[in-house]
């Protein structure tokens, strides 16, 4: 019954899940608007702290950040409900597309109504970057870290390890001096590390089970292989969906083309290249986490086994891809909260937040260069959507879903 008082919050999470376009960069801006400025579930500083912490972990960072907001409000039960409500709409949509892809033409899955979603996403990111700048950049060293992080991210955006490297370096640089933030009082003596065992056991069991099934040529091993593949992706991917999708392509499309591999493992999961690109493109046009593309891939991977097993494949892949993110963030966050009592960690947060601001600024400009400039009219409209979105977020009380609906309407009109 205690959870009943959190129904307004869960309703806000649901609205966020069906309107949050554009991946983790755009999601952060929408979280800033909804859960900080409108609902006051967390402060700006807390949101930036959660985001910086989640950037240090593999997995779906926007999913982990939102899960922590639920954790802060109502502990693990509310965090789990927040996670489910957030990922379910996108996973259901992408799973449904795995059934529809063979019946619908590829062009049908790319409606023009989404044409202004990308510039809108850049507008959300621009707004979040400006807000984060106000909070985190306040002295010369943070300005230097931000600038270096922005430049490195822009030129190495497709390199997955650039994000954790910059974050670690940012924390290291601000720890070179202990004068600004000295240790106050005694730091905690003991940190409990035991909770990570569940994540590690699942990882090891999934890998061992998949390899055992391959060596013994189990005829019905594909669901087990699918869970191992997606759980491994969710455990090891740094950098979000732009890194996950290439990893999936290598696993499900490129590797199965090797005749030598096929001879050794004839039951390897294979996905047609056209189907893969359809799913990878479609996930950019729906709200919610980009990691929900795994639901589509899971359905396609199991479609040869019938409709029931195809549906089960969607569920297995969804569970496999998001479970590591949840386990890592919920088990490590209490440790992180304890570690923050050390002055060294508090000093590191200063540099980490500055690096995150640089990454956000670089992502803004990186995404802007990919926006359509096919005509002067479209270019002007795109620039107008970027600036208009940022201004509406900063100076109006319009909720994020209204701005998304307006951009969808704009795409339908033009």
Protein backbone atom coordinates (compact mmCIF):
# COMPACT_ATOMS: atom_id res chain seq x y z
CA UNK A 1 0.00 0.00 0.00
CA UNK A 2 2.96 2.31 0.57
CA UNK A 3 3.58 2.31 -3.19
CA UNK A 4 0.17 3.92 -3.79
CA UNK A 5 1.57 7.30 -2.81
CA UNK A 6 4.09 6.96 -5.64
CA UNK A 7 1.42 6.60 -8.34
CA UNK A 8 1.86 10.24 -9.56
CA UNK A 9 5.60 9.59 -9.89
CA UNK A 10 5.04 6.33 -11.78
CA UNK A 11 2.56 8.12 -14.04
CA UNK A 12 5.26 10.68 -14.81
CA UNK A 13 7.70 7.84 -15.56
CA UNK A 14 5.19 6.31 -17.97
CA UNK A 15 4.65 9.63 -19.78
CA UNK A 16 8.42 10.00 -19.96
CA UNK A 17 8.73 6.49 -21.43
CA UNK A 18 6.34 7.23 -24.31
CA UNK A 19 7.76 10.65 -25.16
CA UNK A 20 11.52 10.41 -24.47
CA UNK A 21 13.10 10.37 -27.93
CA UNK A 22 16.74 10.61 -28.89
CA UNK A 23 18.78 8.29 -26.68
CA UNK A 24 20.48 9.07 -23.36
CA UNK A 25 21.59 12.56 -24.41
CA UNK A 26 18.01 13.67 -25.12
CA UNK A 27 16.64 11.71 -22.16
CA UNK A 28 18.79 13.64 -19.69
CA UNK A 29 17.30 16.93 -20.85
CA UNK A 30 13.79 15.56 -20.50
CA UNK A 31 14.57 14.20 -17.02
CA UNK A 32 15.88 17.63 -16.05
CA UNK A 33 12.62 19.19 -17.18
CA UNK A 34 10.24 16.58 -15.72
CA UNK A 35 11.81 15.20 -12.55
CA UNK A 36 13.83 18.25 -11.48
CA UNK A 37 12.07 21.41 -12.62
CA UNK A 38 8.44 20.26 -12.72
CA UNK A 39 8.11 17.50 -10.10
CA UNK A 40 11.12 18.18 -7.85
CA UNK A 41 11.78 14.46 -7.29
CA UNK A 42 15.52 15.19 -7.30
CA UNK A 43 17.67 18.30 -7.39
CA UNK A 44 19.80 19.31 -10.35
CA UNK A 45 22.90 18.36 -8.37
CA UNK A 46 21.49 14.90 -7.59
CA UNK A 47 20.55 14.27 -11.22
CA UNK A 48 24.04 15.26 -12.39
CA UNK A 49 25.54 13.05 -9.67
CA UNK A 50 23.40 10.07 -10.77
CA UNK A 51 24.26 10.67 -14.41
CA UNK A 52 28.00 10.91 -13.69
CA UNK A 53 27.89 7.71 -11.64
CA UNK A 54 25.98 5.85 -14.38
CA UNK A 55 28.49 6.99 -17.00
CA UNK A 56 31.12 5.00 -15.07
CA UNK A 57 29.11 1.79 -15.47
CA UNK A 58 28.44 -0.31 -18.56
CA UNK A 59 24.85 -0.63 -19.70
CA UNK A 60 21.96 1.71 -20.48
CA UNK A 61 22.90 4.95 -18.72
CA UNK A 62 19.54 6.74 -19.07
CA UNK A 63 17.78 3.62 -17.74
CA UNK A 64 20.16 3.49 -14.79
CA UNK A 65 19.73 7.21 -14.06
CA UNK A 66 15.94 6.96 -14.03
CA UNK A 67 16.13 3.81 -11.90
CA UNK A 68 18.17 5.75 -9.33
CA UNK A 69 15.50 8.48 -9.20
CA UNK A 70 12.99 5.77 -8.29
CA UNK A 71 15.47 4.30 -5.80
CA UNK A 72 15.89 7.67 -4.12
CA UNK A 73 12.12 8.12 -3.76
CA UNK A 74 11.10 4.63 -2.63
CA UNK A 75 14.00 2.22 -2.36
CA UNK A 76 14.45 -0.97 -4.37
CA UNK A 77 10.70 -1.77 -4.87
CA UNK A 78 10.03 1.59 -6.51
CA UNK A 79 13.31 1.40 -8.44
CA UNK A 80 12.23 -1.94 -9.95
CA UNK A 81 8.78 -0.59 -10.85
CA UNK A 82 10.40 2.50 -12.38
CA UNK A 83 12.67 0.31 -14.49
CA UNK A 84 9.80 -1.88 -15.72
CA UNK A 85 7.52 1.05 -16.60
CA UNK A 86 10.39 2.82 -18.38
CA UNK A 87 11.54 -0.06 -20.58
CA UNK A 88 8.22 -1.85 -21.22
CA UNK A 89 6.66 0.44 -23.89
CA UNK A 90 9.81 0.54 -26.04
CA UNK A 91 10.40 -3.21 -25.67
CA UNK A 92 6.80 -4.00 -26.60
CA UNK A 93 7.01 -1.75 -29.66
CA UNK A 94 10.32 -3.16 -30.86
CA UNK A 95 9.17 -6.72 -30.18
CA UNK A 96 5.99 -6.07 -32.19
CA UNK A 97 8.08 -4.73 -35.09
CA UNK A 98 9.94 -8.05 -35.22
CA UNK A 99 6.60 -9.65 -36.12
CA UNK A 100 5.57 -6.90 -38.55
CA UNK A 101 8.83 -6.50 -40.45
CA UNK A 102 8.08 -9.32 -42.89
CA UNK A 103 4.64 -7.89 -43.70
CA UNK A 104 5.48 -4.21 -44.00
CA UNK A 105 7.74 -2.64 -46.58
CA UNK A 106 10.92 -1.14 -45.23
CA UNK A 107 9.84 2.37 -46.23
CA UNK A 108 6.62 1.98 -44.27
CA UNK A 109 8.67 1.81 -41.10
CA UNK A 110 10.24 5.25 -41.67
CA UNK A 111 7.35 7.74 -41.47
CA UNK A 112 8.09 11.39 -42.21
CA UNK A 113 6.35 12.38 -39.01
CA UNK A 114 9.64 11.75 -37.15
CA UNK A 115 11.73 14.13 -39.29
CA UNK A 116 12.04 16.80 -36.58
CA UNK A 117 12.66 14.41 -33.70
CA UNK A 118 16.45 14.55 -34.16
CA UNK A 119 16.69 18.37 -33.97
CA UNK A 120 14.27 18.28 -31.03
CA UNK A 121 16.61 15.82 -29.32
CA UNK A 122 19.52 18.18 -29.90
CA UNK A 123 17.43 20.95 -28.32
CA UNK A 124 16.84 18.82 -25.23
CA UNK A 125 20.55 18.05 -25.04
CA UNK A 126 21.47 21.73 -25.45
CA UNK A 127 19.12 22.62 -22.60
CA UNK A 128 20.59 19.91 -20.35
CA UNK A 129 24.15 20.98 -21.19
CA UNK A 130 23.42 24.62 -20.29
CA UNK A 131 21.82 23.60 -16.99
CA UNK A 132 24.71 21.28 -16.18
CA UNK A 133 27.22 24.01 -17.05
CA UNK A 134 25.66 26.33 -14.47
CA UNK A 135 25.99 23.68 -11.77
CA UNK A 136 29.35 22.07 -12.50
CA UNK A 137 31.65 24.64 -14.15
CA UNK A 138 32.80 27.17 -11.57
CA UNK A 139 36.62 27.44 -11.63
CA UNK A 140 39.54 27.31 -14.11
CA UNK A 141 40.27 23.57 -13.73
CA UNK A 142 36.67 22.55 -14.43
CA UNK A 143 36.65 24.80 -17.52
CA UNK A 144 39.83 23.10 -18.79
CA UNK A 145 38.43 19.63 -18.13
CA UNK A 146 35.17 20.54 -19.88
CA UNK A 147 36.99 21.93 -22.93
CA UNK A 148 39.36 18.96 -23.29
CA UNK A 149 36.49 16.50 -22.78
CA UNK A 150 34.36 18.24 -25.37
CA UNK A 151 37.13 18.22 -27.99
CA UNK A 152 38.11 14.59 -27.33
CA UNK A 153 34.50 13.42 -27.40
CA UNK A 154 33.72 15.23 -30.63
CA UNK A 155 36.62 13.73 -32.54
CA UNK A 156 36.44 10.26 -30.94
CA UNK A 157 32.66 10.00 -30.55
CA UNK A 158 32.46 6.48 -32.02
CA UNK A 159 35.20 5.14 -29.74
CA UNK A 160 33.35 3.44 -26.85
CA UNK A 161 36.11 3.78 -24.25
CA UNK A 162 36.44 7.56 -24.64
CA UNK A 163 33.59 8.18 -22.17
CA UNK A 164 34.91 6.23 -19.14
CA UNK A 165 38.49 7.36 -19.90
CA UNK A 166 37.51 11.04 -19.83
CA UNK A 167 35.46 10.59 -16.68
CA UNK A 168 38.29 8.80 -14.85
CA UNK A 169 40.83 11.39 -16.01
CA UNK A 170 38.53 14.23 -14.91
CA UNK A 171 38.29 12.74 -11.43
CA UNK A 172 42.06 12.19 -11.32
CA UNK A 173 42.93 15.77 -12.31
CA UNK A 174 40.76 17.39 -9.64
CA UNK A 175 42.37 15.09 -7.05
CA UNK A 176 45.85 16.44 -7.77
CA UNK A 177 45.15 19.19 -5.27
CA UNK A 178 43.63 18.59 -1.84
CA UNK A 179 43.55 22.25 -0.78
CA UNK A 180 40.12 23.17 -2.19
CA UNK A 181 38.26 20.20 -0.68
CA UNK A 182 40.14 18.81 2.37
CA UNK A 183 39.09 15.65 4.22
CA UNK A 184 36.70 16.51 7.06
CA UNK A 185 36.34 14.00 9.84
CA UNK A 186 37.16 10.32 9.63
CA UNK A 187 36.34 8.50 6.39
CA UNK A 188 34.32 5.29 6.66
CA UNK A 189 36.43 2.27 7.54
CA UNK A 190 34.51 -0.52 5.88
CA UNK A 191 32.74 -0.86 2.56
CA UNK A 192 30.48 -3.82 1.80
CA UNK A 193 31.32 -5.22 -1.61
CA UNK A 194 29.39 -8.51 -1.36
CA UNK A 195 26.24 -7.51 -3.24
CA UNK A 196 27.91 -7.73 -6.65
CA UNK A 197 27.94 -11.54 -6.43
CA UNK A 198 24.54 -11.94 -8.15
CA UNK A 199 25.63 -10.00 -11.25
CA UNK A 200 28.87 -12.01 -11.48
CA UNK A 201 27.18 -15.38 -10.94
CA UNK A 202 24.59 -14.74 -13.65
CA UNK A 203 27.35 -13.59 -16.02
CA UNK A 204 29.43 -16.72 -15.38
CA UNK A 205 26.49 -19.14 -15.49
CA UNK A 206 25.14 -17.63 -18.73
CA UNK A 207 28.56 -17.87 -20.38
CA UNK A 208 29.26 -21.39 -19.13
CA UNK A 209 25.79 -22.62 -20.06
CA UNK A 210 26.01 -21.18 -23.56
CA UNK A 211 29.43 -22.73 -24.16
CA UNK A 212 28.29 -26.08 -22.75
CA UNK A 213 25.27 -26.06 -25.06
CA UNK A 214 27.50 -25.31 -28.05
CA UNK A 215 30.04 -28.03 -27.30
CA UNK A 216 27.35 -30.65 -26.72
CA UNK A 217 25.31 -29.44 -29.72
CA UNK A 218 22.05 -29.09 -27.80
CA UNK A 219 19.30 -28.77 -30.46
CA UNK A 220 17.20 -26.23 -28.50
CA UNK A 221 20.00 -24.06 -27.21
CA UNK A 222 19.20 -20.85 -29.09
CA UNK A 223 17.23 -19.21 -26.21
CA UNK A 224 20.19 -19.85 -23.89
CA UNK A 225 22.62 -18.43 -26.47
CA UNK A 226 20.37 -15.40 -26.96
CA UNK A 227 20.30 -14.65 -23.22
CA UNK A 228 24.08 -15.02 -22.97
CA UNK A 229 24.66 -12.70 -25.94
CA UNK A 230 22.34 -9.94 -24.71
CA UNK A 231 23.44 -10.23 -21.06
CA UNK A 232 27.06 -9.91 -22.21
CA UNK A 233 26.20 -6.82 -24.26
CA UNK A 234 24.41 -5.23 -21.31
CA UNK A 235 27.38 -6.02 -19.06
CA UNK A 236 30.18 -4.73 -21.27
CA UNK A 237 28.84 -1.90 -23.46
CA UNK A 238 30.13 1.58 -22.60
CA UNK A 239 28.82 4.49 -24.63
CA UNK A 240 25.14 3.62 -25.06
CA UNK A 241 23.19 2.57 -28.13
CA UNK A 242 25.69 3.92 -30.64
CA UNK A 243 28.10 1.27 -29.30
CA UNK A 244 25.55 -1.48 -28.68
CA UNK A 245 24.26 -1.55 -32.26
CA UNK A 246 27.71 -2.09 -33.87
CA UNK A 247 28.44 -4.85 -31.33
CA UNK A 248 25.15 -6.55 -32.21
CA UNK A 249 25.92 -6.23 -35.90
CA UNK A 250 29.25 -7.95 -35.41
CA UNK A 251 27.67 -10.75 -33.33
CA UNK A 252 24.47 -11.42 -35.29
CA UNK A 253 25.30 -10.37 -38.87
CA UNK A 254 29.07 -10.32 -39.52
CA UNK A 255 30.29 -13.36 -37.54
CA UNK A 256 27.72 -15.84 -38.93
CA UNK A 257 29.04 -15.12 -42.46
CA UNK A 258 32.21 -17.05 -41.64
CA UNK A 259 31.98 -20.53 -43.15
CA UNK A 260 34.58 -21.81 -40.71
CA UNK A 261 32.47 -20.61 -37.79
CA UNK A 262 29.31 -22.11 -39.29
CA UNK A 263 30.98 -25.50 -39.58
CA UNK A 264 31.97 -25.37 -35.93
CA UNK A 265 28.66 -23.90 -34.74
CA UNK A 266 25.84 -24.47 -37.29
CA UNK A 267 23.16 -23.27 -34.85
CA UNK A 268 24.70 -19.82 -34.31
CA UNK A 269 22.21 -16.95 -34.11
CA UNK A 270 21.95 -15.25 -37.50
CA UNK A 271 20.02 -12.10 -38.43
CA UNK A 272 19.54 -10.91 -42.01
CA UNK A 273 21.36 -7.65 -42.71
CA UNK A 274 18.24 -5.89 -44.03
CA UNK A 275 16.24 -6.93 -40.97
CA UNK A 276 19.05 -5.72 -38.71
CA UNK A 277 19.17 -2.28 -40.35
CA UNK A 278 15.39 -2.00 -40.19
CA UNK A 279 15.41 -2.60 -36.43
CA UNK A 280 18.43 -0.36 -35.84
CA UNK A 281 16.74 2.44 -37.77
CA UNK A 282 13.33 1.98 -36.22
CA UNK A 283 14.59 2.20 -32.64
CA UNK A 284 15.70 5.77 -33.39
CA UNK A 285 12.13 6.72 -34.23
CA UNK A 286 10.44 5.49 -31.05
CA UNK A 287 10.60 6.83 -27.50
CA UNK A 288 12.41 5.04 -24.71
CA UNK A 289 15.81 3.42 -24.31
CA UNK A 290 17.85 2.59 -27.42
CA UNK A 291 18.74 -0.72 -25.75
CA UNK A 292 15.17 -1.84 -26.53
CA UNK A 293 16.53 -2.71 -29.99
CA UNK A 294 17.46 -6.01 -28.33
CA UNK A 295 13.74 -6.88 -28.17
CA UNK A 296 13.55 -6.65 -31.97
CA UNK A 297 16.75 -8.65 -32.46
CA UNK A 298 15.56 -11.31 -30.03
CA UNK A 299 12.31 -11.72 -31.93
CA UNK A 300 14.07 -11.91 -35.30
CA UNK A 301 16.60 -14.41 -33.92
CA UNK A 302 13.80 -16.77 -32.81
CA UNK A 303 11.31 -16.32 -35.66
CA UNK A 304 12.27 -19.64 -37.29
CA UNK A 305 10.90 -21.45 -34.22
CA UNK A 306 7.33 -20.15 -34.56
CA UNK A 307 5.37 -17.19 -33.24
CA UNK A 308 5.33 -18.35 -29.61
CA UNK A 309 9.09 -18.78 -29.48
CA UNK A 310 9.52 -15.49 -31.31
CA UNK A 311 7.62 -13.75 -28.51
CA UNK A 312 9.72 -15.58 -25.94
CA UNK A 313 12.83 -14.41 -27.81
CA UNK A 314 11.69 -10.79 -27.41
CA UNK A 315 11.28 -11.32 -23.65
CA UNK A 316 14.61 -13.15 -23.26
CA UNK A 317 16.56 -10.44 -25.10
CA UNK A 318 14.82 -7.63 -23.18
CA UNK A 319 15.61 -9.30 -19.86
CA UNK A 320 19.18 -10.05 -20.89
CA UNK A 321 20.00 -6.53 -22.06
CA UNK A 322 18.50 -4.60 -19.11
CA UNK A 323 19.19 -6.94 -16.18
CA UNK A 324 22.93 -6.09 -15.94
CA UNK A 325 22.16 -2.35 -15.94
CA UNK A 326 19.73 -2.77 -13.04
CA UNK A 327 21.99 -5.08 -11.02
CA UNK A 328 25.07 -2.90 -11.47
CA UNK A 329 23.41 0.38 -10.60
CA UNK A 330 21.41 -0.89 -7.60
CA UNK A 331 24.31 -2.85 -6.13
CA UNK A 332 27.05 -0.30 -6.72
CA UNK A 333 25.12 2.87 -5.85
CA UNK A 334 25.12 2.24 -2.07
CA UNK A 335 28.88 1.65 -2.34
CA UNK A 336 29.19 4.85 -4.37
CA UNK A 337 27.16 6.74 -1.77
CA UNK A 338 29.52 5.46 0.92
CA UNK A 339 32.62 6.24 -1.12
CA UNK A 340 31.48 9.85 -1.53
CA UNK A 341 32.25 10.35 2.17
CA UNK A 342 35.91 10.31 1.21
CA UNK A 343 37.21 13.78 0.30
CA UNK A 344 39.14 12.22 -2.60
CA UNK A 345 35.89 10.95 -4.12
CA UNK A 346 34.19 14.30 -3.53
CA UNK A 347 37.07 16.04 -5.29
CA UNK A 348 36.83 13.50 -8.11
CA UNK A 349 33.14 14.32 -8.57
CA UNK A 350 34.11 17.89 -9.39
CA UNK A 351 36.20 16.68 -12.32
CA UNK A 352 33.76 13.94 -13.33
CA UNK A 353 30.86 16.40 -13.59
CA UNK A 354 33.02 18.77 -15.64
CA UNK A 355 33.91 15.93 -18.01
CA UNK A 356 30.23 15.00 -18.34
CA UNK A 357 29.39 18.59 -19.30
CA UNK A 358 32.09 18.46 -21.98
CA UNK A 359 30.71 15.17 -23.28
CA UNK A 360 27.21 16.65 -23.43
CA UNK A 361 28.39 19.74 -25.30
CA UNK A 362 30.33 17.61 -27.79
CA UNK A 363 27.34 15.32 -28.32
CA UNK A 364 25.21 18.40 -29.05
CA UNK A 365 27.52 19.58 -31.83
CA UNK A 366 28.18 16.05 -33.10
CA UNK A 367 24.48 15.39 -33.50
CA UNK A 368 23.91 18.80 -35.10
CA UNK A 369 26.28 17.98 -37.96
CA UNK A 370 24.21 14.91 -38.86
CA UNK A 371 20.93 16.82 -39.08
CA UNK A 372 19.45 17.07 -42.56
CA UNK A 373 20.48 20.08 -44.68
CA UNK A 374 18.85 18.86 -47.91
CA UNK A 375 17.26 22.26 -48.49
CA UNK A 376 17.37 25.79 -47.09
CA UNK A 377 13.81 25.40 -45.83
CA UNK A 378 14.57 22.18 -43.93
CA UNK A 379 17.82 23.63 -42.54
CA UNK A 380 16.03 26.69 -41.17
CA UNK A 381 13.26 24.55 -39.70
CA UNK A 382 15.78 22.23 -38.04
CA UNK A 383 17.69 25.14 -36.50
CA UNK A 384 14.39 26.64 -35.38
CA UNK A 385 13.36 23.37 -33.72
CA UNK A 386 16.70 23.11 -31.88
CA UNK A 387 16.59 26.66 -30.55
CA UNK A 388 12.82 26.60 -29.94
CA UNK A 389 13.03 23.35 -27.96
CA UNK A 390 15.84 24.67 -25.75
CA UNK A 391 14.01 27.97 -25.14
CA UNK A 392 10.70 26.29 -24.34
CA UNK A 393 12.43 24.00 -21.86
CA UNK A 394 14.25 26.89 -20.22
CA UNK A 395 11.59 29.61 -20.17
CA UNK A 396 8.18 27.93 -20.30
CA UNK A 397 6.20 25.55 -18.13
CA UNK A 398 5.29 23.28 -21.03
CA UNK A 399 5.87 19.61 -20.09
CA UNK A 400 8.20 17.56 -22.28
CA UNK A 401 5.40 15.42 -23.84
CA UNK A 402 3.73 18.55 -25.24
CA UNK A 403 6.98 19.63 -26.92
CA UNK A 404 7.40 16.14 -28.42
CA UNK A 405 3.83 16.14 -29.76
CA UNK A 406 4.38 19.60 -31.26
CA UNK A 407 7.51 18.38 -33.10
CA UNK A 408 5.64 15.31 -34.38
CA UNK A 409 2.85 17.59 -35.62
CA UNK A 410 5.45 19.81 -37.30
CA UNK A 411 6.84 16.78 -39.12
CA UNK A 412 3.36 15.81 -40.30
CA UNK A 413 2.68 19.33 -41.60
CA UNK A 414 5.99 19.82 -43.40
